[in-house]
N, C-alpha and C. Protein backbone atom coordinates (compact mmCIF):
# COMPACT_ATOMS: atom_id res chain seq x y z
N MET A 1 50.64 -25.16 25.90
CA MET A 1 49.95 -24.34 26.81
C MET A 1 48.67 -23.69 26.71
N PRO A 2 48.16 -23.61 27.89
CA PRO A 2 46.82 -23.51 28.25
C PRO A 2 46.16 -22.51 27.93
N TRP A 3 44.70 -22.17 27.08
CA TRP A 3 44.44 -20.86 26.90
C TRP A 3 44.03 -20.29 27.78
N THR A 4 44.19 -18.54 28.05
CA THR A 4 43.80 -18.25 28.62
C THR A 4 43.13 -17.02 27.44
N PRO A 5 41.57 -16.54 28.32
CA PRO A 5 40.74 -15.46 27.67
C PRO A 5 41.53 -14.09 27.76
N PRO A 6 40.97 -13.26 26.07
CA PRO A 6 41.79 -12.24 26.83
C PRO A 6 41.51 -11.83 27.52
N PRO A 7 42.07 -10.20 27.62
CA PRO A 7 41.72 -9.68 29.46
C PRO A 7 40.40 -8.69 28.37
N ARG A 8 39.64 -8.11 29.49
CA ARG A 8 38.13 -7.70 29.30
C ARG A 8 38.76 -6.50 29.09
N PRO A 9 37.51 -5.74 28.17
CA PRO A 9 38.31 -3.91 28.17
C PRO A 9 37.55 -3.77 30.30
N SER A 10 38.02 -2.94 30.56
CA SER A 10 37.55 -2.02 31.64
C SER A 10 36.36 -1.17 31.29
N ARG A 11 35.75 -1.14 32.21
CA ARG A 11 34.30 0.19 32.46
C ARG A 11 34.63 1.33 31.80
N ARG A 12 35.79 1.74 32.30
CA ARG A 12 35.68 3.10 31.32
C ARG A 12 36.35 3.44 30.44
N SER A 13 36.59 2.51 30.10
CA SER A 13 36.98 1.82 28.37
C SER A 13 35.95 2.25 27.21
N LEU A 14 35.06 1.27 27.79
CA LEU A 14 33.63 1.30 27.05
C LEU A 14 33.11 2.53 27.05
N LEU A 15 32.80 3.08 28.05
CA LEU A 15 32.08 3.91 27.84
C LEU A 15 32.89 4.94 27.43
N ALA A 16 34.34 5.65 27.56
CA ALA A 16 34.59 6.20 26.88
C ALA A 16 34.80 6.17 25.08
N GLY A 17 34.56 4.97 24.68
CA GLY A 17 34.65 4.73 23.15
C GLY A 17 32.80 5.12 22.83
N ALA A 18 31.84 4.11 23.47
CA ALA A 18 30.87 5.14 23.23
C ALA A 18 30.55 6.21 23.33
N ALA A 19 31.01 7.22 24.04
CA ALA A 19 30.76 8.48 24.20
C ALA A 19 31.19 9.57 23.24
N GLY A 20 32.39 8.52 22.57
CA GLY A 20 33.42 9.33 21.39
C GLY A 20 32.38 8.58 20.06
N ALA A 21 32.04 7.50 19.95
CA ALA A 21 31.31 7.19 18.55
C ALA A 21 30.00 8.07 18.97
N ALA A 22 29.42 8.35 19.83
CA ALA A 22 28.17 9.29 19.79
C ALA A 22 28.35 10.30 19.15
N LEU A 23 29.70 10.59 20.08
CA LEU A 23 29.82 12.18 19.41
C LEU A 23 30.02 12.31 17.91
N LEU A 24 30.79 11.15 18.00
CA LEU A 24 30.77 11.28 16.21
C LEU A 24 30.03 11.30 14.93
N THR A 25 29.27 10.50 15.50
CA THR A 25 27.55 10.10 14.68
C THR A 25 26.62 11.00 15.03
N GLY A 26 26.59 11.56 16.19
CA GLY A 26 26.22 12.62 16.28
C GLY A 26 26.20 13.72 15.64
N CYS A 27 27.44 15.00 15.63
CA CYS A 27 27.82 15.76 14.87
C CYS A 27 27.59 15.91 13.23
N SER A 28 27.47 14.95 13.21
CA SER A 28 27.33 14.60 11.28
C SER A 28 25.60 14.90 10.73
N GLY A 29 25.15 14.51 11.35
CA GLY A 29 23.79 14.31 11.55
C GLY A 29 23.19 13.59 10.03
N ALA A 30 23.40 12.86 9.26
CA ALA A 30 23.74 12.27 8.36
C ALA A 30 22.63 11.00 8.79
N PRO A 31 22.99 10.43 9.75
CA PRO A 31 22.09 9.00 9.93
C PRO A 31 20.61 9.56 9.96
N ALA A 32 20.24 10.28 10.71
CA ALA A 32 19.20 10.81 10.95
C ALA A 32 18.12 11.67 9.57
N ASP A 33 19.29 12.45 9.02
CA ASP A 33 18.37 12.82 7.83
C ASP A 33 18.04 12.03 7.27
N THR A 34 18.90 10.62 6.70
CA THR A 34 18.87 9.89 5.46
C THR A 34 17.83 9.54 6.26
N GLY A 35 17.29 8.70 7.31
CA GLY A 35 16.43 7.99 7.67
C GLY A 35 15.32 8.73 7.43
N ALA A 36 14.82 9.65 7.58
CA ALA A 36 13.59 11.00 7.23
C ALA A 36 13.45 11.03 6.28
N THR A 37 14.25 11.07 5.39
CA THR A 37 14.24 10.60 3.81
C THR A 37 13.76 9.46 3.62
N ALA A 38 14.62 8.44 3.61
CA ALA A 38 14.17 7.81 3.22
C ALA A 38 12.48 6.94 3.77
N GLY A 39 12.62 7.18 4.72
CA GLY A 39 11.12 7.02 5.18
C GLY A 39 9.59 7.96 4.31
N VAL A 40 10.04 9.41 3.95
CA VAL A 40 9.18 9.58 3.23
C VAL A 40 9.06 9.23 1.70
N SER A 41 10.28 8.69 1.31
CA SER A 41 10.44 8.27 -0.25
C SER A 41 9.96 7.01 -0.24
N LEU A 42 10.02 6.03 1.12
CA LEU A 42 9.02 4.81 1.53
C LEU A 42 7.24 4.74 1.52
N GLU A 43 7.49 6.22 2.15
CA GLU A 43 5.56 5.94 2.40
C GLU A 43 5.15 6.46 0.93
N ARG A 44 6.36 7.44 0.41
CA ARG A 44 5.30 7.87 -1.37
C ARG A 44 5.34 7.38 -2.19
N GLY A 45 6.32 6.35 -1.98
CA GLY A 45 6.62 5.47 -3.04
C GLY A 45 5.17 4.28 -2.92
N MET A 46 5.28 3.75 -1.82
CA MET A 46 4.28 2.57 -1.47
C MET A 46 2.42 3.62 -1.89
N ARG A 47 2.38 5.12 -1.33
CA ARG A 47 0.94 5.76 -2.07
C ARG A 47 1.17 5.37 -3.05
N GLU A 48 2.18 5.65 -3.72
CA GLU A 48 1.96 6.12 -5.50
C GLU A 48 1.46 4.32 -5.88
N ALA A 49 2.39 3.96 -5.69
CA ALA A 49 1.61 2.18 -6.02
C ALA A 49 0.07 1.85 -5.72
N ALA A 50 0.14 1.92 -4.14
CA ALA A 50 -1.58 1.90 -3.99
C ALA A 50 -2.56 2.69 -4.82
N VAL A 51 -1.95 3.80 -5.10
CA VAL A 51 -3.14 4.75 -5.81
C VAL A 51 -3.15 4.05 -7.83
N ARG A 52 -2.10 3.64 -8.02
CA ARG A 52 -1.74 2.92 -8.89
C ARG A 52 -3.24 2.19 -9.18
N ASP A 53 -2.64 1.12 -8.37
CA ASP A 53 -3.84 -0.22 -8.24
C ASP A 53 -5.14 0.31 -7.88
N SER A 54 -5.60 1.05 -7.12
CA SER A 54 -7.20 1.48 -7.16
C SER A 54 -6.93 2.33 -8.41
N GLU A 55 -6.99 2.84 -9.22
CA GLU A 55 -6.97 3.12 -10.20
C GLU A 55 -7.50 2.12 -11.28
N ARG A 56 -6.55 1.16 -11.49
CA ARG A 56 -6.74 0.24 -12.28
C ARG A 56 -8.15 -0.70 -12.03
N LEU A 57 -7.69 -0.95 -10.24
CA LEU A 57 -9.62 -1.70 -9.92
C LEU A 57 -10.71 -0.41 -10.66
N LEU A 58 -10.67 0.66 -10.35
CA LEU A 58 -11.73 1.42 -10.77
C LEU A 58 -12.28 1.26 -12.22
N GLU A 59 -10.69 1.15 -12.88
CA GLU A 59 -11.60 0.74 -14.55
C GLU A 59 -11.79 -0.13 -14.30
N ARG A 60 -11.42 -1.81 -13.65
CA ARG A 60 -11.87 -2.65 -13.86
C ARG A 60 -13.63 -2.62 -13.97
N TYR A 61 -13.92 -2.30 -12.23
CA TYR A 61 -15.20 -1.74 -12.28
C TYR A 61 -16.16 -0.90 -13.57
N ASP A 62 -15.57 0.46 -13.63
CA ASP A 62 -15.70 0.51 -15.20
C ASP A 62 -16.13 0.15 -16.40
N ALA A 63 -15.38 -1.01 -16.79
CA ALA A 63 -15.26 -1.94 -17.99
C ALA A 63 -16.27 -3.03 -17.96
N THR A 64 -16.45 -3.49 -16.61
CA THR A 64 -17.45 -4.44 -16.29
C THR A 64 -18.56 -3.85 -16.25
N SER A 65 -18.67 -2.64 -15.89
CA SER A 65 -20.00 -2.20 -15.71
C SER A 65 -20.61 -1.73 -17.07
N ALA A 66 -19.98 -1.25 -17.92
CA ALA A 66 -20.06 -1.27 -19.57
C ALA A 66 -20.07 -1.80 -20.28
N ALA A 67 -19.93 -3.66 -19.76
CA ALA A 67 -20.06 -4.67 -20.22
C ALA A 67 -21.04 -5.12 -20.41
N HIS A 68 -21.45 -5.18 -18.26
CA HIS A 68 -22.79 -5.13 -18.67
C HIS A 68 -23.45 -4.37 -17.59
N PRO A 69 -24.65 -3.57 -18.59
CA PRO A 69 -24.77 -2.77 -17.77
C PRO A 69 -26.56 -3.62 -16.89
N ALA A 70 -26.70 -4.16 -17.01
CA ALA A 70 -27.65 -4.64 -15.80
C ALA A 70 -26.67 -4.70 -14.40
N LEU A 71 -25.52 -5.33 -13.80
CA LEU A 71 -24.87 -4.75 -12.52
C LEU A 71 -24.21 -3.55 -12.27
N ALA A 72 -24.13 -2.41 -13.36
CA ALA A 72 -23.69 -1.56 -12.85
C ALA A 72 -24.51 -0.72 -11.32
N ALA A 73 -26.11 -0.92 -11.10
CA ALA A 73 -26.55 -0.68 -10.26
C ALA A 73 -26.00 -1.54 -9.60
N ARG A 74 -25.76 -2.85 -8.85
CA ARG A 74 -24.90 -3.29 -7.84
C ARG A 74 -23.85 -3.11 -7.75
N LEU A 75 -23.12 -2.63 -9.10
CA LEU A 75 -21.58 -2.04 -8.42
C LEU A 75 -20.53 -1.15 -8.01
N ALA A 76 -22.39 -0.21 -8.27
CA ALA A 76 -21.84 1.37 -8.20
C ALA A 76 -21.28 1.69 -6.80
N PRO A 77 -21.76 1.46 -5.40
CA PRO A 77 -22.03 1.43 -3.99
C PRO A 77 -20.21 1.07 -3.91
N LEU A 78 -20.02 -0.53 -4.48
CA LEU A 78 -18.52 -0.78 -4.49
C LEU A 78 -17.49 0.11 -5.03
N ARG A 79 -18.03 0.82 -6.00
CA ARG A 79 -16.91 1.31 -6.98
C ARG A 79 -16.74 2.57 -6.51
N SER A 80 -17.46 3.16 -5.91
CA SER A 80 -17.29 4.47 -5.21
C SER A 80 -16.64 4.67 -3.73
N ALA A 81 -16.84 3.10 -3.54
CA ALA A 81 -15.79 2.78 -1.95
C ALA A 81 -14.48 3.54 -2.67
N VAL A 82 -14.23 2.30 -3.81
CA VAL A 82 -13.04 2.21 -4.71
C VAL A 82 -12.36 3.62 -4.47
N ALA A 83 -12.98 4.30 -5.43
CA ALA A 83 -12.46 5.91 -5.25
C ALA A 83 -12.39 6.88 -4.33
N ALA A 84 -13.36 5.87 -3.14
CA ALA A 84 -12.59 6.66 -2.16
C ALA A 84 -11.74 6.39 -1.44
N HIS A 85 -11.25 5.20 -1.70
CA HIS A 85 -9.54 4.87 -0.76
C HIS A 85 -8.72 5.36 -2.05
N THR A 86 -8.75 5.15 -3.02
CA THR A 86 -7.61 6.11 -4.05
C THR A 86 -7.73 7.46 -3.81
N ALA A 87 -9.02 8.24 -3.26
CA ALA A 87 -8.30 10.12 -2.69
C ALA A 87 -7.79 9.13 -1.37
N ALA A 88 -8.21 8.35 -0.52
CA ALA A 88 -7.41 8.54 0.55
C ALA A 88 -5.97 8.49 0.65
N LEU A 89 -5.61 7.27 0.19
CA LEU A 89 -4.32 6.58 -0.60
C LEU A 89 -3.47 7.76 -1.16
N ALA A 90 -4.10 8.93 -1.62
CA ALA A 90 -3.77 10.02 -2.73
C ALA A 90 -3.05 11.45 -1.70
N SER A 91 -3.46 10.86 -0.79
CA SER A 91 -3.30 12.31 0.16
C SER A 91 -2.66 12.10 1.13
N PRO A 92 -1.13 12.65 1.46
CA PRO A 92 -0.35 12.02 2.72
C PRO A 92 -0.95 12.31 4.24
N ALA A 93 -0.65 11.03 5.18
CA ALA A 93 -1.28 11.67 6.58
C ALA A 93 -0.41 12.24 7.12
N SER A 94 0.40 12.63 6.61
CA SER A 94 1.82 12.80 7.80
C SER A 94 1.65 14.59 7.15
N PRO A 95 2.13 15.83 8.05
CA PRO A 95 2.77 16.67 7.26
C PRO A 95 4.33 16.93 7.24
N SER A 96 5.47 15.51 7.43
CA SER A 96 7.16 15.85 6.65
C SER A 96 6.43 14.92 5.41
N ALA A 97 5.62 14.41 5.35
CA ALA A 97 5.47 13.39 3.48
C ALA A 97 4.65 15.17 2.89
N SER A 98 4.09 16.00 3.24
CA SER A 98 3.32 16.95 2.65
C SER A 98 4.20 17.68 1.91
N ARG A 99 5.14 18.19 2.15
CA ARG A 99 6.26 19.10 2.03
C ARG A 99 7.06 18.21 1.46
N THR A 100 7.21 16.78 0.73
CA THR A 100 8.01 16.10 -0.43
C THR A 100 6.96 16.37 -1.94
N PRO A 101 7.58 16.90 -2.78
CA PRO A 101 7.10 17.41 -4.04
C PRO A 101 6.27 16.55 -4.92
N GLY A 102 5.05 16.24 -5.36
CA GLY A 102 5.04 14.94 -5.53
C GLY A 102 3.61 14.42 -5.20
N THR A 103 4.47 14.45 -4.02
CA THR A 103 2.96 13.65 -2.92
C THR A 103 1.79 14.14 -2.75
N GLY A 104 0.47 13.05 -2.40
CA GLY A 104 -0.53 13.23 -2.43
C GLY A 104 -1.54 13.91 -4.14
N SER A 105 -0.52 13.44 -4.88
CA SER A 105 -1.60 13.82 -6.07
C SER A 105 -1.57 12.76 -6.89
N ALA A 106 -2.86 12.53 -7.23
CA ALA A 106 -3.18 11.36 -7.97
C ALA A 106 -3.29 11.52 -9.47
N LYS A 107 -2.92 12.40 -9.97
CA LYS A 107 -2.95 13.09 -11.24
C LYS A 107 -1.68 12.53 -12.04
N GLY A 108 -1.62 11.86 -13.26
CA GLY A 108 -0.79 10.97 -13.70
C GLY A 108 0.14 9.78 -13.06
N SER A 109 -0.59 9.43 -12.39
CA SER A 109 -0.11 8.25 -11.26
C SER A 109 -0.43 7.00 -12.44
N ALA A 110 -1.17 6.78 -12.65
CA ALA A 110 -2.18 6.06 -13.53
C ALA A 110 -0.67 5.33 -14.82
N ALA A 111 0.22 6.09 -14.82
CA ALA A 111 0.94 4.72 -16.11
C ALA A 111 1.48 3.57 -14.89
N PRO A 112 1.49 2.51 -15.61
CA PRO A 112 1.96 1.62 -15.33
C PRO A 112 3.15 1.34 -14.11
N ALA A 113 3.23 0.49 -13.35
CA ALA A 113 4.09 0.29 -12.37
C ALA A 113 5.32 -0.77 -12.74
N PRO A 114 6.26 0.14 -12.75
CA PRO A 114 7.63 -0.34 -13.38
C PRO A 114 7.80 -2.21 -13.32
N ASP A 115 7.47 -2.80 -12.26
CA ASP A 115 6.77 -4.53 -11.98
C ASP A 115 5.46 -4.79 -12.75
N GLY A 116 5.25 -4.13 -13.47
CA GLY A 116 4.12 -4.51 -14.15
C GLY A 116 3.07 -4.54 -12.88
N GLY A 117 2.77 -4.03 -12.01
CA GLY A 117 1.88 -3.62 -11.25
C GLY A 117 1.32 -5.16 -10.58
N THR A 118 0.22 -4.78 -9.63
CA THR A 118 -0.03 -6.20 -8.77
C THR A 118 -1.40 -7.09 -9.96
N PRO A 119 -1.23 -7.88 -10.59
CA PRO A 119 -2.06 -8.56 -11.07
C PRO A 119 -3.56 -8.50 -10.43
N ALA A 120 -4.12 -8.26 -9.12
CA ALA A 120 -5.36 -7.70 -9.16
C ALA A 120 -6.23 -6.78 -9.66
N ALA A 121 -6.08 -6.53 -10.40
CA ALA A 121 -6.23 -5.14 -11.14
C ALA A 121 -5.87 -4.74 -12.68
N SER A 122 -5.44 -5.41 -12.56
CA SER A 122 -4.92 -5.47 -14.69
C SER A 122 -5.62 -4.68 -15.47
N ALA A 123 -5.08 -4.98 -16.54
CA ALA A 123 -6.19 -4.74 -18.01
C ALA A 123 -6.79 -6.17 -18.72
N GLU A 124 -7.31 -6.17 -17.81
CA GLU A 124 -8.15 -7.81 -18.62
C GLU A 124 -9.17 -7.62 -19.06
N PRO A 125 -10.19 -8.50 -20.08
CA PRO A 125 -10.20 -8.29 -20.72
C PRO A 125 -12.15 -8.72 -19.86
N VAL A 126 -12.89 -7.95 -19.95
CA VAL A 126 -14.36 -8.64 -19.12
C VAL A 126 -15.28 -9.89 -19.74
N PRO A 127 -14.91 -10.33 -19.39
CA PRO A 127 -15.83 -12.04 -19.85
C PRO A 127 -17.53 -11.27 -19.83
N PRO A 128 -17.28 -12.24 -20.92
CA PRO A 128 -18.98 -12.48 -21.28
C PRO A 128 -19.83 -12.46 -20.69
N LYS A 129 -20.46 -13.73 -19.82
CA LYS A 129 -20.98 -13.67 -18.87
C LYS A 129 -20.98 -12.70 -17.59
N ALA A 130 -22.32 -12.56 -16.70
CA ALA A 130 -22.19 -11.69 -15.84
C ALA A 130 -22.04 -11.96 -14.44
N GLU A 131 -22.36 -13.89 -14.71
CA GLU A 131 -21.66 -14.41 -13.37
C GLU A 131 -20.41 -13.98 -13.44
N ASP A 132 -19.49 -14.47 -14.95
CA ASP A 132 -18.12 -14.36 -14.87
C ASP A 132 -17.30 -13.28 -14.40
N ALA A 133 -18.21 -12.30 -14.77
CA ALA A 133 -17.68 -10.73 -14.82
C ALA A 133 -17.43 -10.30 -13.08
N LEU A 134 -18.23 -10.64 -12.77
CA LEU A 134 -19.15 -10.24 -11.34
C LEU A 134 -17.35 -11.46 -10.60
N ALA A 135 -16.91 -12.56 -11.05
CA ALA A 135 -16.44 -13.35 -9.52
C ALA A 135 -15.05 -13.17 -10.74
N ALA A 136 -14.80 -12.48 -11.55
CA ALA A 136 -13.43 -11.97 -12.39
C ALA A 136 -13.43 -10.66 -10.90
N LEU A 137 -14.30 -9.76 -11.18
CA LEU A 137 -14.00 -8.58 -10.33
C LEU A 137 -13.62 -9.07 -8.91
N ALA A 138 -14.40 -9.84 -8.03
CA ALA A 138 -13.85 -10.67 -6.87
C ALA A 138 -12.76 -11.16 -6.79
N ASP A 139 -12.32 -11.50 -8.20
CA ASP A 139 -10.60 -12.09 -8.00
C ASP A 139 -9.44 -11.08 -7.61
N ALA A 140 -9.95 -10.40 -8.52
CA ALA A 140 -9.55 -9.05 -8.65
C ALA A 140 -9.03 -7.85 -7.39
N GLU A 141 -10.68 -8.01 -6.27
CA GLU A 141 -10.34 -7.32 -4.62
C GLU A 141 -9.45 -7.71 -4.27
N ARG A 142 -10.04 -9.92 -4.27
CA ARG A 142 -9.04 -10.70 -3.05
C ARG A 142 -7.96 -10.34 -3.50
N SER A 143 -7.21 -10.73 -4.72
CA SER A 143 -5.46 -10.20 -5.31
C SER A 143 -5.17 -8.95 -4.51
N LEU A 144 -5.98 -7.89 -4.70
CA LEU A 144 -5.62 -6.66 -4.58
C LEU A 144 -5.56 -6.18 -2.76
N ALA A 145 -6.84 -6.96 -2.14
CA ALA A 145 -6.36 -6.68 -0.56
C ALA A 145 -5.49 -8.09 -0.14
N GLU A 146 -5.52 -8.77 -0.71
CA GLU A 146 -3.90 -10.22 -0.09
C GLU A 146 -2.80 -9.18 -0.51
N ALA A 147 -2.25 -8.29 -1.72
CA ALA A 147 -1.13 -7.45 -1.68
C ALA A 147 -0.89 -6.45 -1.01
N ARG A 148 -2.24 -5.67 -0.05
CA ARG A 148 -2.18 -4.83 0.28
C ARG A 148 -1.80 -5.30 2.05
N THR A 149 -2.32 -6.25 1.81
CA THR A 149 -1.82 -6.69 3.68
C THR A 149 -0.61 -7.52 3.32
N VAL A 150 -0.37 -8.00 2.91
CA VAL A 150 1.16 -7.99 2.79
C VAL A 150 2.56 -6.37 2.88
N ALA A 151 1.53 -5.86 2.24
CA ALA A 151 2.61 -4.03 1.88
C ALA A 151 2.05 -3.93 3.56
N LEU A 152 1.13 -3.95 4.39
CA LEU A 152 0.88 -2.53 5.26
C LEU A 152 1.96 -3.65 6.01
N GLY A 153 2.59 -4.61 6.26
CA GLY A 153 3.84 -5.03 6.75
C GLY A 153 4.96 -4.48 6.89
N GLY A 154 5.47 -3.62 5.68
CA GLY A 154 7.06 -2.41 6.01
C GLY A 154 6.67 -1.21 5.24
N ALA A 155 5.45 -0.96 6.19
CA ALA A 155 4.80 0.41 5.49
C ALA A 155 4.69 0.89 7.04
N PRO A 156 4.91 2.80 6.61
CA PRO A 156 4.83 3.72 8.16
C PRO A 156 3.68 3.17 8.77
N GLY A 157 3.30 3.91 10.38
CA GLY A 157 2.40 4.08 10.19
C GLY A 157 0.74 3.82 10.00
N GLU A 158 0.79 5.38 10.16
CA GLU A 158 -0.89 5.64 9.89
C GLU A 158 -1.00 5.00 8.07
N LEU A 159 -0.14 4.85 7.14
CA LEU A 159 -0.30 3.89 5.68
C LEU A 159 -0.47 3.02 6.14
N ALA A 160 0.58 2.63 7.16
CA ALA A 160 -0.19 0.58 7.52
C ALA A 160 -2.19 0.73 7.63
N ARG A 161 -1.97 2.04 8.53
CA ARG A 161 -3.05 1.71 9.54
C ARG A 161 -4.94 1.65 8.03
N LEU A 162 -4.16 2.59 7.11
CA LEU A 162 -4.97 3.14 6.30
C LEU A 162 -4.97 1.47 5.25
N LEU A 163 -3.54 1.08 4.89
CA LEU A 163 -3.78 -0.38 3.79
C LEU A 163 -4.83 -1.07 4.41
N ALA A 164 -4.43 -0.98 6.26
CA ALA A 164 -5.16 -2.42 7.00
C ALA A 164 -6.71 -2.10 6.29
N SER A 165 -7.37 -0.93 6.63
CA SER A 165 -8.71 -0.96 6.61
C SER A 165 -9.16 -1.19 4.34
N VAL A 166 -8.38 -0.57 3.75
CA VAL A 166 -8.76 -1.28 2.82
C VAL A 166 -9.00 -2.21 2.06
N ALA A 167 -7.77 -2.62 2.63
CA ALA A 167 -7.71 -5.02 2.49
C ALA A 167 -8.87 -5.29 3.10
N ALA A 168 -9.49 -4.54 4.00
CA ALA A 168 -11.24 -5.30 4.82
C ALA A 168 -11.57 -4.92 4.20
N CYS A 169 -11.81 -3.74 3.18
CA CYS A 169 -13.33 -3.51 2.36
C CYS A 169 -13.24 -3.82 1.49
N GLY A 170 -11.78 -4.62 0.87
CA GLY A 170 -11.68 -4.82 -0.29
C GLY A 170 -11.91 -6.77 -0.60
N ALA A 171 -11.68 -7.33 0.63
CA ALA A 171 -12.35 -8.45 1.36
C ALA A 171 -13.51 -8.47 1.79
N VAL A 172 -13.84 -7.43 2.17
CA VAL A 172 -16.02 -7.27 2.05
C VAL A 172 -16.46 -7.11 0.85
N HIS A 173 -15.60 -6.45 0.05
CA HIS A 173 -16.56 -6.36 -1.91
C HIS A 173 -16.02 -7.94 -2.17
N THR A 174 -15.39 -8.73 -1.99
CA THR A 174 -15.11 -10.11 -2.78
C THR A 174 -16.19 -10.67 -1.87
N HIS A 175 -16.47 -10.77 -0.61
CA HIS A 175 -17.55 -11.43 -0.49
C HIS A 175 -18.81 -10.92 -1.24
N LEU A 176 -19.36 -9.62 -1.08
CA LEU A 176 -20.60 -8.86 -1.23
C LEU A 176 -20.45 -9.68 -3.13
N LEU A 177 -19.32 -9.58 -3.85
CA LEU A 177 -19.31 -9.95 -4.99
C LEU A 177 -19.64 -11.43 -5.38
N THR A 178 -19.71 -12.19 -4.37
CA THR A 178 -19.75 -13.58 -4.79
C THR A 178 -20.87 -14.01 -4.55
N SER A 179 -21.81 -13.28 -3.48
CA SER A 179 -22.74 -13.83 -2.51
C SER A 179 -23.86 -13.75 -3.69
N PRO A 180 -25.32 -13.76 -3.65
CA PRO A 180 -26.55 -13.08 -4.65
C PRO A 180 -26.78 -11.85 -4.19
N PRO A 181 -27.47 -11.36 -4.92
CA PRO A 181 -28.04 -9.95 -4.47
C PRO A 181 -28.79 -10.15 -3.64
N GLY A 182 -29.15 -8.72 -2.55
CA GLY A 182 -29.93 -9.24 -1.41
C GLY A 182 -29.94 -9.75 -0.26
N ALA A 183 -28.59 -11.17 -0.68
CA ALA A 183 -28.72 -11.61 0.07
C ALA A 183 -27.52 -11.34 1.41
N THR A 184 -28.21 -11.27 2.84
CA THR A 184 -27.06 -11.05 4.01
C THR A 184 -26.59 -11.20 4.27
N PRO A 185 -25.00 -10.92 5.21
CA PRO A 185 -24.51 -11.75 5.25
C PRO A 185 -23.93 -12.35 6.24
């Protein structure tokens, strides 16, 4: 017996089915609300992780400056930029994110990340030689910039732009930390 293709549904039955599905989905309202809530939760989680990483990097700058006071003046503008990044990451960009409790506050966010955080800004001891300390700080900046570059692919619009800017700044910090003082780029 030869194979015959099954009968195709009529255009009218397809449109009626699609309209019925749209009515059933549209009445519930659940998918739209869930998506919006998930987006806010995603952004909040990403912001909190980014703030924790920036705070660890600030601690790393502070520890390096304390261990090598001669480097403090060189590190001060870079540390100041990291502090500004922390503040920018801590404040939500969208009005919907600001309505979520706990968003936009850097206080209490210094707790370790559940996954141990990124290796870029861990609490490692500062190397005893100044050159090694600068190299370790540059490695921390580079690692964090790379992690942020990867993370921005899954971030909501405005946060992705902010992560891209902060990652680019981290790359510049890496260059500045590995270049001799006073060298021109």
